[in-house]
PDB file of N, CA and C in Angstrom:
ATOM      1  N   UNK A   1       0.852  -1.171   0.000  1.00  0.00           N
ATOM      2  CA  UNK A   1       0.000   0.000   0.000  1.00  0.00           C
ATOM      3  C   UNK A   1       0.899   1.237   0.000  1.00  0.00           C
ATOM      4  N   UNK A   2       0.574   2.194  -0.822  1.00  0.00           N
ATOM      5  CA  UNK A   2       1.367   3.410  -0.898  1.00  0.00           C
ATOM      6  C   UNK A   2       0.841   4.445   0.081  1.00  0.00           C
ATOM      7  N   UNK A   3       1.704   5.387   0.415  1.00  0.00           N
ATOM      8  CA  UNK A   3       1.292   6.429   1.358  1.00  0.00           C
ATOM      9  C   UNK A   3       0.390   7.474   0.709  1.00  0.00           C
ATOM     10  N   UNK A   4       0.345   7.508  -0.625  1.00  0.00           N
ATOM     11  CA  UNK A   4      -0.501   8.479  -1.319  1.00  0.00           C
ATOM     12  C   UNK A   4      -1.976   8.098  -1.262  1.00  0.00           C
ATOM     13  N   UNK A   5      -2.252   6.851  -1.033  1.00  0.00           N
ATOM     14  CA  UNK A   5      -3.645   6.372  -1.035  1.00  0.00           C
ATOM     15  C   UNK A   5      -4.300   6.649   0.306  1.00  0.00           C
ATOM     16  N   UNK A   6      -5.446   7.303   0.269  1.00  0.00           N
ATOM     17  CA  UNK A   6      -6.191   7.639   1.479  1.00  0.00           C
ATOM     18  C   UNK A   6      -7.140   6.500   1.828  1.00  0.00           C
ATOM     19  N   UNK A   7      -7.242   6.203   3.105  1.00  0.00           N
ATOM     20  CA  UNK A   7      -8.160   5.163   3.559  1.00  0.00           C
ATOM     21  C   UNK A   7      -9.602   5.635   3.373  1.00  0.00           C
ATOM     22  N   UNK A   8     -10.500   4.746   2.977  1.00  0.00           N
ATOM     23  CA  UNK A   8     -11.900   5.148   2.787  1.00  0.00           C
ATOM     24  C   UNK A   8     -12.571   5.472   4.118  1.00  0.00           C
ATOM     25  N   UNK A   9     -13.543   6.356   4.060  1.00  0.00           N
ATOM     26  CA  UNK A   9     -14.313   6.721   5.240  1.00  0.00           C
ATOM     27  C   UNK A   9     -15.391   5.672   5.477  1.00  0.00           C
ATOM     28  N   UNK A  10     -15.470   5.178   6.706  1.00  0.00           N
ATOM     29  CA  UNK A  10     -16.514   4.212   7.050  1.00  0.00           C
ATOM     30  C   UNK A  10     -17.793   4.940   7.416  1.00  0.00           C
ATOM     31  N   UNK A  11     -18.907   4.377   7.034  1.00  0.00           N
ATOM     32  CA  UNK A  11     -20.186   5.025   7.307  1.00  0.00           C
ATOM     33  C   UNK A  11     -21.075   4.195   8.221  1.00  0.00           C
ATOM     34  N   UNK A  12     -20.544   3.095   8.737  1.00  0.00           N
ATOM     35  CA  UNK A  12     -21.347   2.229   9.590  1.00  0.00           C
ATOM     36  C   UNK A  12     -21.818   2.910  10.854  1.00  0.00           C
ATOM     37  N   UNK A  13     -20.963   3.715  11.459  1.00  0.00           N
ATOM     38  CA  UNK A  13     -21.339   4.411  12.687  1.00  0.00           C
ATOM     39  C   UNK A  13     -22.431   5.444  12.413  1.00  0.00           C
ATOM     40  N   UNK A  14     -22.362   6.089  11.276  1.00  0.00           N
ATOM     41  CA  UNK A  14     -23.380   7.076  10.906  1.00  0.00           C
ATOM     42  C   UNK A  14     -24.726   6.389  10.717  1.00  0.00           C
ATOM     43  N   UNK A  15     -24.711   5.239  10.042  1.00  0.00           N
ATOM     44  CA  UNK A  15     -25.954   4.495   9.827  1.00  0.00           C
ATOM     45  C   UNK A  15     -26.537   4.057  11.165  1.00  0.00           C
ATOM     46  N   UNK A  16     -25.687   3.490  12.037  1.00  0.00           N
ATOM     47  CA  UNK A  16     -26.171   3.012  13.339  1.00  0.00           C
ATOM     48  C   UNK A  16     -26.730   4.155  14.178  1.00  0.00           C
ATOM     49  N   UNK A  17     -26.046   5.290  14.188  1.00  0.00           N
ATOM     50  CA  UNK A  17     -26.516   6.439  14.966  1.00  0.00           C
ATOM     51  C   UNK A  17     -27.864   6.935  14.459  1.00  0.00           C
ATOM     52  N   UNK A  18     -28.005   7.047  13.148  1.00  0.00           N
ATOM     53  CA  UNK A  18     -29.262   7.536  12.594  1.00  0.00           C
ATOM     54  C   UNK A  18     -30.407   6.547  12.808  1.00  0.00           C
ATOM     55  N   UNK A  19     -30.105   5.245  12.825  1.00  0.00           N
ATOM     56  CA  UNK A  19     -31.143   4.258  13.131  1.00  0.00           C
ATOM     57  C   UNK A  19     -31.640   4.457  14.563  1.00  0.00           C
ATOM     58  N   UNK A  20     -30.697   4.642  15.499  1.00  0.00           N
ATOM     59  CA  UNK A  20     -31.097   4.844  16.899  1.00  0.00           C
ATOM     60  C   UNK A  20     -31.861   6.146  17.075  1.00  0.00           C
ATOM     61  N   UNK A  21     -31.375   7.220  16.475  1.00  0.00           N
ATOM     62  CA  UNK A  21     -32.040   8.515  16.595  1.00  0.00           C
ATOM     63  C   UNK A  21     -33.436   8.454  15.975  1.00  0.00           C
ATOM     64  N   UNK A  22     -33.547   7.816  14.823  1.00  0.00           N
ATOM     65  CA  UNK A  22     -34.851   7.703  14.175  1.00  0.00           C
ATOM     66  C   UNK A  22     -35.830   6.888  15.000  1.00  0.00           C
ATOM     67  N   UNK A  23     -35.350   5.795  15.593  1.00  0.00           N
ATOM     68  CA  UNK A  23     -36.233   4.951  16.402  1.00  0.00           C
ATOM     69  C   UNK A  23     -36.682   5.679  17.661  1.00  0.00           C
ATOM     70  N   UNK A  24     -35.763   6.361  18.318  1.00  0.00           N
ATOM     71  CA  UNK A  24     -36.120   7.107  19.530  1.00  0.00           C
ATOM     72  C   UNK A  24     -37.074   8.251  19.186  1.00  0.00           C
ATOM     73  N   UNK A  25     -36.739   9.000  18.138  1.00  0.00           N
ATOM     74  CA  UNK A  25     -37.607  10.109  17.725  1.00  0.00           C
ATOM     75  C   UNK A  25     -38.981   9.627  17.302  1.00  0.00           C
ATOM     76  N   UNK A  26     -39.015   8.526  16.553  1.00  0.00           N
ATOM     77  CA  UNK A  26     -40.303   7.975  16.151  1.00  0.00           C
ATOM     78  C   UNK A  26     -41.082   7.440  17.337  1.00  0.00           C
ATOM     79  N   UNK A  27     -40.378   6.852  18.315  1.00  0.00           N
ATOM     80  CA  UNK A  27     -41.036   6.349  19.514  1.00  0.00           C
ATOM     81  C   UNK A  27     -41.655   7.458  20.331  1.00  0.00           C
ATOM     82  N   UNK A  28     -41.004   8.600  20.351  1.00  0.00           N
ATOM     83  CA  UNK A  28     -41.548   9.740  21.082  1.00  0.00           C
ATOM     84  C   UNK A  28     -42.817  10.273  20.414  1.00  0.00           C
ATOM     85  N   UNK A  29     -42.943  10.016  19.110  1.00  0.00           N
ATOM     86  CA  UNK A  29     -44.135  10.443  18.380  1.00  0.00           C
ATOM     87  C   UNK A  29     -45.154   9.321  18.235  1.00  0.00           C
ATOM     88  N   UNK A  30     -44.862   8.161  18.827  1.00  0.00           N
ATOM     89  CA  UNK A  30     -45.785   7.042  18.756  1.00  0.00           C
ATOM     90  C   UNK A  30     -45.637   6.185  17.513  1.00  0.00           C
ATOM     91  N   UNK A  31     -44.576   6.405  16.739  1.00  0.00           N
ATOM     92  CA  UNK A  31     -44.365   5.653  15.500  1.00  0.00           C
ATOM     93  C   UNK A  31     -42.910   5.171  15.400  1.00  0.00           C
ATOM     94  N   UNK A  32     -42.474   4.245  16.267  1.00  0.00           N
ATOM     95  CA  UNK A  32     -41.073   3.825  16.232  1.00  0.00           C
ATOM     96  C   UNK A  32     -40.677   3.125  14.932  1.00  0.00           C
ATOM     97  N   UNK A  33     -41.593   2.407  14.309  1.00  0.00           N
ATOM     98  CA  UNK A  33     -41.261   1.711  13.057  1.00  0.00           C
ATOM     99  C   UNK A  33     -40.960   2.705  11.941  1.00  0.00           C
ATOM    100  N   UNK A  34     -41.759   3.742  11.861  1.00  0.00           N
ATOM    101  CA  UNK A  34     -41.524   4.764  10.838  1.00  0.00           C
ATOM    102  C   UNK A  34     -40.214   5.500  11.127  1.00  0.00           C
ATOM    103  N   UNK A  35     -39.932   5.763  12.399  1.00  0.00           N
ATOM    104  CA  UNK A  35     -38.663   6.385  12.765  1.00  0.00           C
ATOM    105  C   UNK A  35     -37.478   5.516  12.399  1.00  0.00           C
ATOM    106  N   UNK A  36     -37.622   4.200  12.622  1.00  0.00           N
ATOM    107  CA  UNK A  36     -36.557   3.265  12.260  1.00  0.00           C
ATOM    108  C   UNK A  36     -36.308   3.308  10.761  1.00  0.00           C
ATOM    109  N   UNK A  37     -37.367   3.253   9.985  1.00  0.00           N
ATOM    110  CA  UNK A  37     -37.218   3.283   8.529  1.00  0.00           C
ATOM    111  C   UNK A  37     -36.625   4.605   8.042  1.00  0.00           C
ATOM    112  N   UNK A  38     -37.038   5.698   8.668  1.00  0.00           N
ATOM    113  CA  UNK A  38     -36.478   7.006   8.297  1.00  0.00           C
ATOM    114  C   UNK A  38     -34.988   7.058   8.642  1.00  0.00           C
ATOM    115  N   UNK A  39     -34.613   6.515   9.796  1.00  0.00           N
ATOM    116  CA  UNK A  39     -33.203   6.485  10.181  1.00  0.00           C
ATOM    117  C   UNK A  39     -32.370   5.635   9.244  1.00  0.00           C
ATOM    118  N   UNK A  40     -32.902   4.486   8.859  1.00  0.00           N
ATOM    119  CA  UNK A  40     -32.197   3.620   7.904  1.00  0.00           C
ATOM    120  C   UNK A  40     -32.034   4.339   6.567  1.00  0.00           C
ATOM    121  N   UNK A  41     -33.108   4.951   6.099  1.00  0.00           N
ATOM    122  CA  UNK A  41     -33.042   5.664   4.821  1.00  0.00           C
ATOM    123  C   UNK A  41     -32.046   6.809   4.837  1.00  0.00           C
ATOM    124  N   UNK A  42     -32.074   7.600   5.903  1.00  0.00           N
ATOM    125  CA  UNK A  42     -31.134   8.722   6.006  1.00  0.00           C
ATOM    126  C   UNK A  42     -29.702   8.217   6.122  1.00  0.00           C
ATOM    127  N   UNK A  43     -29.491   7.160   6.891  1.00  0.00           N
ATOM    128  CA  UNK A  43     -28.146   6.606   7.046  1.00  0.00           C
ATOM    129  C   UNK A  43     -27.592   6.067   5.740  1.00  0.00           C
ATOM    130  N   UNK A  44     -28.428   5.363   4.992  1.00  0.00           N
ATOM    131  CA  UNK A  44     -27.984   4.833   3.701  1.00  0.00           C
ATOM    132  C   UNK A  44     -27.718   5.967   2.724  1.00  0.00           C
ATOM    133  N   UNK A  45     -28.549   6.999   2.745  1.00  0.00           N
ATOM    134  CA  UNK A  45     -28.338   8.145   1.850  1.00  0.00           C
ATOM    135  C   UNK A  45     -27.001   8.821   2.145  1.00  0.00           C
ATOM    136  N   UNK A  46     -26.689   9.015   3.419  1.00  0.00           N
ATOM    137  CA  UNK A  46     -25.419   9.652   3.778  1.00  0.00           C
ATOM    138  C   UNK A  46     -24.249   8.741   3.418  1.00  0.00           C
ATOM    139  N   UNK A  47     -24.395   7.427   3.646  1.00  0.00           N
ATOM    140  CA  UNK A  47     -23.338   6.483   3.276  1.00  0.00           C
ATOM    141  C   UNK A  47     -23.082   6.514   1.773  1.00  0.00           C
ATOM    142  N   UNK A  48     -24.153   6.576   0.984  1.00  0.00           N
ATOM    143  CA  UNK A  48     -23.983   6.649  -0.464  1.00  0.00           C
ATOM    144  C   UNK A  48     -23.326   7.957  -0.896  1.00  0.00           C
ATOM    145  N   UNK A  49     -23.686   9.055  -0.235  1.00  0.00           N
ATOM    146  CA  UNK A  49     -23.048  10.335  -0.558  1.00  0.00           C
ATOM    147  C   UNK A  49     -21.558  10.308  -0.229  1.00  0.00           C
ATOM    148  N   UNK A  50     -21.188   9.716   0.905  1.00  0.00           N
ATOM    149  CA  UNK A  50     -19.771   9.578   1.252  1.00  0.00           C
ATOM    150  C   UNK A  50     -19.036   8.720   0.232  1.00  0.00           C
ATOM    151  N   UNK A  51     -19.651   7.605  -0.153  1.00  0.00           N
ATOM    152  CA  UNK A  51     -19.034   6.721  -1.145  1.00  0.00           C
ATOM    153  C   UNK A  51     -18.858   7.449  -2.482  1.00  0.00           C
ATOM    154  N   UNK A  52     -19.897   8.178  -2.887  1.00  0.00           N
ATOM    155  CA  UNK A  52     -19.843   8.881  -4.165  1.00  0.00           C
ATOM    156  C   UNK A  52     -18.765   9.966  -4.159  1.00  0.00           C
ATOM    157  N   UNK A  53     -18.634  10.665  -3.023  1.00  0.00           N
ATOM    158  CA  UNK A  53     -17.630  11.717  -2.900  1.00  0.00           C
ATOM    159  C   UNK A  53     -16.217  11.146  -2.996  1.00  0.00           C
ATOM    160  N   UNK A  54     -15.991   9.995  -2.392  1.00  0.00           N
ATOM    161  CA  UNK A  54     -14.654   9.409  -2.376  1.00  0.00           C
ATOM    162  C   UNK A  54     -14.361   8.531  -3.578  1.00  0.00           C
ATOM    163  N   UNK A  55     -15.348   8.221  -4.356  1.00  0.00           N
ATOM    164  CA  UNK A  55     -15.177   7.327  -5.500  1.00  0.00           C
ATOM    165  C   UNK A  55     -14.175   7.858  -6.505  1.00  0.00           C
ATOM    166  N   UNK A  56     -14.196   9.157  -6.732  1.00  0.00           N
ATOM    167  CA  UNK A  56     -13.325   9.748  -7.740  1.00  0.00           C
ATOM    168  C   UNK A  56     -11.902  10.025  -7.273  1.00  0.00           C
ATOM    169  N   UNK A  57     -11.650   9.862  -5.982  1.00  0.00           N
ATOM    170  CA  UNK A  57     -10.323  10.193  -5.457  1.00  0.00           C
ATOM    171  C   UNK A  57      -9.341   9.062  -5.635  1.00  0.00           C
TER     172      UNK A  57
END
């Protein structure tokens, strides 16, 4: 491995955090399942944006 190559950014922690935040927020509104799905969707969207940003480097 060369020193010029940058390590990729991991997005697993971002996905996990958004899943928890979405579930808690949805639970406070009486809809934990919808919060979970929103957290998963937001986490995957951010992970894809990170991947897309680093893809060209």
